[in-house]
């Protein structure tokens, strides 16, 4: 929606893009995420970076021309367990 963005401290803009009515999610969650990243990239005209710890996801993003970055270890799924165990 036009004029629906919020401006946060420091000038950062936050806008939430909702799926079109009737959007059916893909059976493969990775493919759905890549598809949504590509849509966001087209809608904004700016590069989108997919952050993941999954090498296969990185390779598939690369094949689609989508930028990707390695998920920092501290944000990995088991990060909470590692911190609780004193490993981080």
N, C-alpha and C. Protein backbone atom coordinates (compact mmCIF):
# COMPACT_ATOMS: atom_id res chain seq x y z
N UNK A 1 0.83 -1.18 0.00
CA UNK A 1 0.00 0.00 0.00
C UNK A 1 0.88 1.25 0.00
N UNK A 2 0.58 2.21 -0.82
CA UNK A 2 1.34 3.46 -0.79
C UNK A 2 1.18 4.15 0.56
N UNK A 3 2.23 4.80 0.97
CA UNK A 3 2.22 5.55 2.23
C UNK A 3 1.95 4.69 3.46
N UNK A 4 2.26 3.40 3.39
CA UNK A 4 2.01 2.53 4.54
C UNK A 4 3.30 2.17 5.28
N UNK A 5 4.41 2.79 4.91
CA UNK A 5 5.68 2.48 5.56
C UNK A 5 5.81 3.29 6.85
N UNK A 6 6.51 2.72 7.82
CA UNK A 6 6.81 3.41 9.07
C UNK A 6 8.28 3.82 9.05
N UNK A 7 8.56 5.00 9.55
CA UNK A 7 9.94 5.46 9.66
C UNK A 7 10.40 5.27 11.09
N UNK A 8 11.45 4.50 11.26
CA UNK A 8 12.00 4.18 12.57
C UNK A 8 13.11 5.15 12.92
N UNK A 9 13.55 5.16 14.18
CA UNK A 9 14.68 6.03 14.55
C UNK A 9 15.88 5.77 13.64
N UNK A 10 16.58 6.82 13.32
CA UNK A 10 17.76 6.70 12.45
C UNK A 10 17.40 6.73 10.98
N UNK A 11 16.12 6.94 10.66
CA UNK A 11 15.71 7.04 9.26
C UNK A 11 15.43 5.72 8.57
N UNK A 12 15.51 4.60 9.29
CA UNK A 12 15.20 3.30 8.69
C UNK A 12 13.71 3.22 8.39
N UNK A 13 13.38 2.71 7.22
CA UNK A 13 11.98 2.57 6.83
C UNK A 13 11.58 1.11 6.94
N UNK A 14 10.40 0.86 7.50
CA UNK A 14 9.87 -0.49 7.65
C UNK A 14 8.55 -0.57 6.90
N UNK A 15 8.47 -1.53 5.99
CA UNK A 15 7.23 -1.75 5.26
C UNK A 15 7.01 -3.25 5.18
N UNK A 16 5.79 -3.69 5.42
CA UNK A 16 5.46 -5.11 5.39
C UNK A 16 4.73 -5.40 4.09
N UNK A 17 5.26 -6.34 3.32
CA UNK A 17 4.63 -6.77 2.08
C UNK A 17 3.82 -8.02 2.37
N UNK A 18 2.53 -7.95 2.14
CA UNK A 18 1.66 -9.09 2.36
C UNK A 18 1.48 -9.86 1.06
N UNK A 19 1.21 -11.16 1.19
CA UNK A 19 0.92 -11.96 0.00
C UNK A 19 -0.37 -11.47 -0.64
N UNK A 20 -0.44 -11.62 -1.95
CA UNK A 20 -1.68 -11.30 -2.65
C UNK A 20 -2.78 -12.23 -2.17
N UNK A 21 -4.03 -11.76 -2.15
CA UNK A 21 -5.14 -12.65 -1.78
C UNK A 21 -5.13 -13.88 -2.69
N UNK A 22 -5.30 -15.02 -2.11
CA UNK A 22 -5.32 -16.26 -2.88
C UNK A 22 -3.94 -16.87 -3.11
N UNK A 23 -2.88 -16.23 -2.60
CA UNK A 23 -1.54 -16.81 -2.78
C UNK A 23 -1.47 -18.18 -2.13
N UNK A 24 -1.02 -19.15 -2.88
CA UNK A 24 -0.85 -20.51 -2.36
C UNK A 24 0.64 -20.75 -2.17
N UNK A 25 1.03 -21.08 -0.95
CA UNK A 25 2.44 -21.34 -0.69
C UNK A 25 2.90 -22.61 -1.40
N UNK A 26 4.16 -22.58 -1.80
CA UNK A 26 4.74 -23.74 -2.47
C UNK A 26 4.96 -24.86 -1.46
N UNK A 27 4.96 -26.08 -1.94
CA UNK A 27 5.15 -27.23 -1.06
C UNK A 27 6.54 -27.23 -0.41
N UNK A 28 7.54 -26.70 -1.13
CA UNK A 28 8.91 -26.66 -0.62
C UNK A 28 9.15 -25.29 0.03
N UNK A 29 9.34 -25.24 1.36
CA UNK A 29 9.54 -23.95 2.05
C UNK A 29 10.75 -23.16 1.53
N UNK A 30 11.82 -23.85 1.14
CA UNK A 30 13.00 -23.16 0.60
C UNK A 30 12.64 -22.45 -0.69
N UNK A 31 11.90 -23.13 -1.56
CA UNK A 31 11.50 -22.52 -2.83
C UNK A 31 10.55 -21.35 -2.59
N UNK A 32 9.68 -21.46 -1.62
CA UNK A 32 8.78 -20.35 -1.27
C UNK A 32 9.58 -19.14 -0.82
N UNK A 33 10.55 -19.36 0.03
CA UNK A 33 11.38 -18.26 0.53
C UNK A 33 12.15 -17.59 -0.62
N UNK A 34 12.76 -18.39 -1.49
CA UNK A 34 13.48 -17.82 -2.63
C UNK A 34 12.53 -17.04 -3.54
N UNK A 35 11.35 -17.58 -3.76
CA UNK A 35 10.36 -16.91 -4.60
C UNK A 35 9.95 -15.57 -4.00
N UNK A 36 9.74 -15.52 -2.70
CA UNK A 36 9.36 -14.28 -2.02
C UNK A 36 10.51 -13.26 -2.07
N UNK A 37 11.74 -13.73 -1.96
CA UNK A 37 12.89 -12.84 -2.07
C UNK A 37 12.95 -12.22 -3.46
N UNK A 38 12.72 -13.03 -4.47
CA UNK A 38 12.75 -12.53 -5.85
C UNK A 38 11.62 -11.51 -6.07
N UNK A 39 10.44 -11.78 -5.52
CA UNK A 39 9.32 -10.85 -5.63
C UNK A 39 9.65 -9.52 -4.95
N UNK A 40 10.22 -9.59 -3.77
CA UNK A 40 10.61 -8.39 -3.04
C UNK A 40 11.65 -7.60 -3.83
N UNK A 41 12.58 -8.30 -4.43
CA UNK A 41 13.62 -7.65 -5.23
C UNK A 41 13.01 -6.91 -6.43
N UNK A 42 12.06 -7.57 -7.10
CA UNK A 42 11.39 -6.92 -8.24
C UNK A 42 10.54 -5.74 -7.77
N UNK A 43 9.84 -5.89 -6.66
CA UNK A 43 8.94 -4.84 -6.16
C UNK A 43 9.70 -3.59 -5.71
N UNK A 44 10.86 -3.78 -5.14
CA UNK A 44 11.62 -2.65 -4.61
C UNK A 44 12.65 -2.10 -5.59
N UNK A 45 13.02 -2.92 -6.58
CA UNK A 45 14.06 -2.51 -7.51
C UNK A 45 15.43 -2.47 -6.87
N UNK A 46 15.56 -3.15 -5.73
CA UNK A 46 16.83 -3.17 -5.00
C UNK A 46 17.24 -4.61 -4.74
N UNK A 47 18.53 -4.86 -4.60
CA UNK A 47 18.98 -6.23 -4.34
C UNK A 47 18.50 -6.72 -2.97
N UNK A 48 18.17 -7.98 -2.90
CA UNK A 48 17.77 -8.65 -1.67
C UNK A 48 18.80 -9.72 -1.38
N UNK A 49 19.19 -9.85 -0.14
CA UNK A 49 20.17 -10.87 0.25
C UNK A 49 19.47 -11.91 1.11
N UNK A 50 19.54 -13.16 0.69
CA UNK A 50 19.00 -14.28 1.44
C UNK A 50 20.09 -14.77 2.39
N UNK A 51 19.80 -14.77 3.69
CA UNK A 51 20.77 -15.20 4.68
C UNK A 51 20.39 -16.60 5.14
N UNK A 52 21.31 -17.54 4.98
CA UNK A 52 21.03 -18.93 5.32
C UNK A 52 22.31 -19.67 5.68
N UNK A 53 22.16 -20.70 6.48
CA UNK A 53 23.28 -21.56 6.82
C UNK A 53 23.28 -22.83 5.98
N UNK A 54 22.35 -22.92 5.06
CA UNK A 54 22.16 -24.12 4.23
C UNK A 54 22.89 -23.93 2.90
N UNK A 55 23.93 -24.71 2.67
CA UNK A 55 24.72 -24.61 1.45
C UNK A 55 23.86 -24.85 0.21
N UNK A 56 22.96 -25.83 0.27
CA UNK A 56 22.09 -26.11 -0.87
C UNK A 56 21.22 -24.90 -1.21
N UNK A 57 20.71 -24.23 -0.19
CA UNK A 57 19.90 -23.04 -0.39
C UNK A 57 20.74 -21.92 -1.01
N UNK A 58 21.99 -21.80 -0.57
CA UNK A 58 22.89 -20.79 -1.14
C UNK A 58 23.13 -21.06 -2.62
N UNK A 59 23.35 -22.32 -2.97
CA UNK A 59 23.61 -22.69 -4.36
C UNK A 59 22.38 -22.42 -5.23
N UNK A 60 21.20 -22.76 -4.72
CA UNK A 60 19.97 -22.52 -5.49
C UNK A 60 19.70 -21.02 -5.63
N UNK A 61 19.98 -20.24 -4.59
CA UNK A 61 19.83 -18.79 -4.68
C UNK A 61 20.78 -18.23 -5.73
N UNK A 62 22.00 -18.70 -5.72
CA UNK A 62 23.00 -18.26 -6.69
C UNK A 62 22.55 -18.57 -8.12
N UNK A 63 21.98 -19.75 -8.31
CA UNK A 63 21.51 -20.16 -9.63
C UNK A 63 20.38 -19.25 -10.13
N UNK A 64 19.66 -18.65 -9.21
CA UNK A 64 18.57 -17.74 -9.57
C UNK A 64 19.02 -16.28 -9.64
N UNK A 65 20.31 -16.03 -9.40
CA UNK A 65 20.81 -14.67 -9.44
C UNK A 65 20.47 -13.87 -8.19
N UNK A 66 20.20 -14.56 -7.10
CA UNK A 66 19.84 -13.92 -5.84
C UNK A 66 21.06 -13.90 -4.93
N UNK A 67 21.36 -12.74 -4.38
CA UNK A 67 22.49 -12.66 -3.46
C UNK A 67 22.20 -13.50 -2.23
N UNK A 68 23.27 -14.00 -1.61
CA UNK A 68 23.11 -14.78 -0.39
C UNK A 68 24.29 -14.53 0.51
N UNK A 69 24.08 -14.77 1.80
CA UNK A 69 25.12 -14.60 2.81
C UNK A 69 25.01 -15.74 3.81
N UNK A 70 26.14 -16.09 4.38
CA UNK A 70 26.20 -17.16 5.38
C UNK A 70 25.59 -16.67 6.69
N UNK A 71 24.71 -17.49 7.27
CA UNK A 71 24.09 -17.17 8.55
C UNK A 71 25.17 -17.19 9.64
N UNK A 72 25.30 -16.09 10.40
CA UNK A 72 26.28 -16.11 11.51
C UNK A 72 25.92 -17.21 12.51
N UNK A 73 26.93 -17.88 13.04
CA UNK A 73 26.70 -18.99 13.97
C UNK A 73 25.82 -18.61 15.14
N UNK A 74 25.93 -17.38 15.63
CA UNK A 74 25.16 -17.00 16.81
C UNK A 74 23.65 -16.98 16.54
N UNK A 75 23.24 -17.00 15.28
CA UNK A 75 21.82 -17.02 14.93
C UNK A 75 21.35 -18.39 14.45
N UNK A 76 22.22 -19.36 14.49
CA UNK A 76 21.87 -20.71 14.05
C UNK A 76 20.76 -21.28 14.94
N UNK A 77 20.03 -22.26 14.40
CA UNK A 77 18.91 -22.86 15.13
C UNK A 77 19.28 -23.30 16.54
N UNK A 78 20.47 -23.84 16.70
CA UNK A 78 20.85 -24.37 18.02
C UNK A 78 21.65 -23.36 18.84
N UNK A 79 21.61 -22.06 18.47
CA UNK A 79 22.39 -21.03 19.17
C UNK A 79 21.97 -20.93 20.64
N UNK A 80 20.68 -21.00 20.92
CA UNK A 80 20.20 -20.90 22.31
C UNK A 80 20.76 -22.03 23.15
N UNK A 81 20.77 -23.24 22.59
CA UNK A 81 21.31 -24.39 23.32
C UNK A 81 22.80 -24.20 23.58
N UNK A 82 23.54 -23.71 22.56
CA UNK A 82 24.98 -23.51 22.73
C UNK A 82 25.27 -22.48 23.80
N UNK A 83 24.52 -21.38 23.82
CA UNK A 83 24.73 -20.33 24.82
C UNK A 83 24.44 -20.87 26.21
N UNK A 84 23.35 -21.63 26.35
CA UNK A 84 22.98 -22.21 27.65
C UNK A 84 24.04 -23.18 28.14
N UNK A 85 24.70 -23.85 27.21
CA UNK A 85 25.74 -24.82 27.58
C UNK A 85 27.10 -24.14 27.77
N UNK A 86 27.16 -22.82 27.55
CA UNK A 86 28.40 -22.09 27.72
C UNK A 86 29.37 -22.27 26.57
N UNK A 87 28.87 -22.69 25.39
CA UNK A 87 29.74 -22.93 24.24
C UNK A 87 29.99 -21.69 23.41
N UNK A 88 29.20 -20.63 23.60
CA UNK A 88 29.32 -19.44 22.74
C UNK A 88 30.03 -18.33 23.45
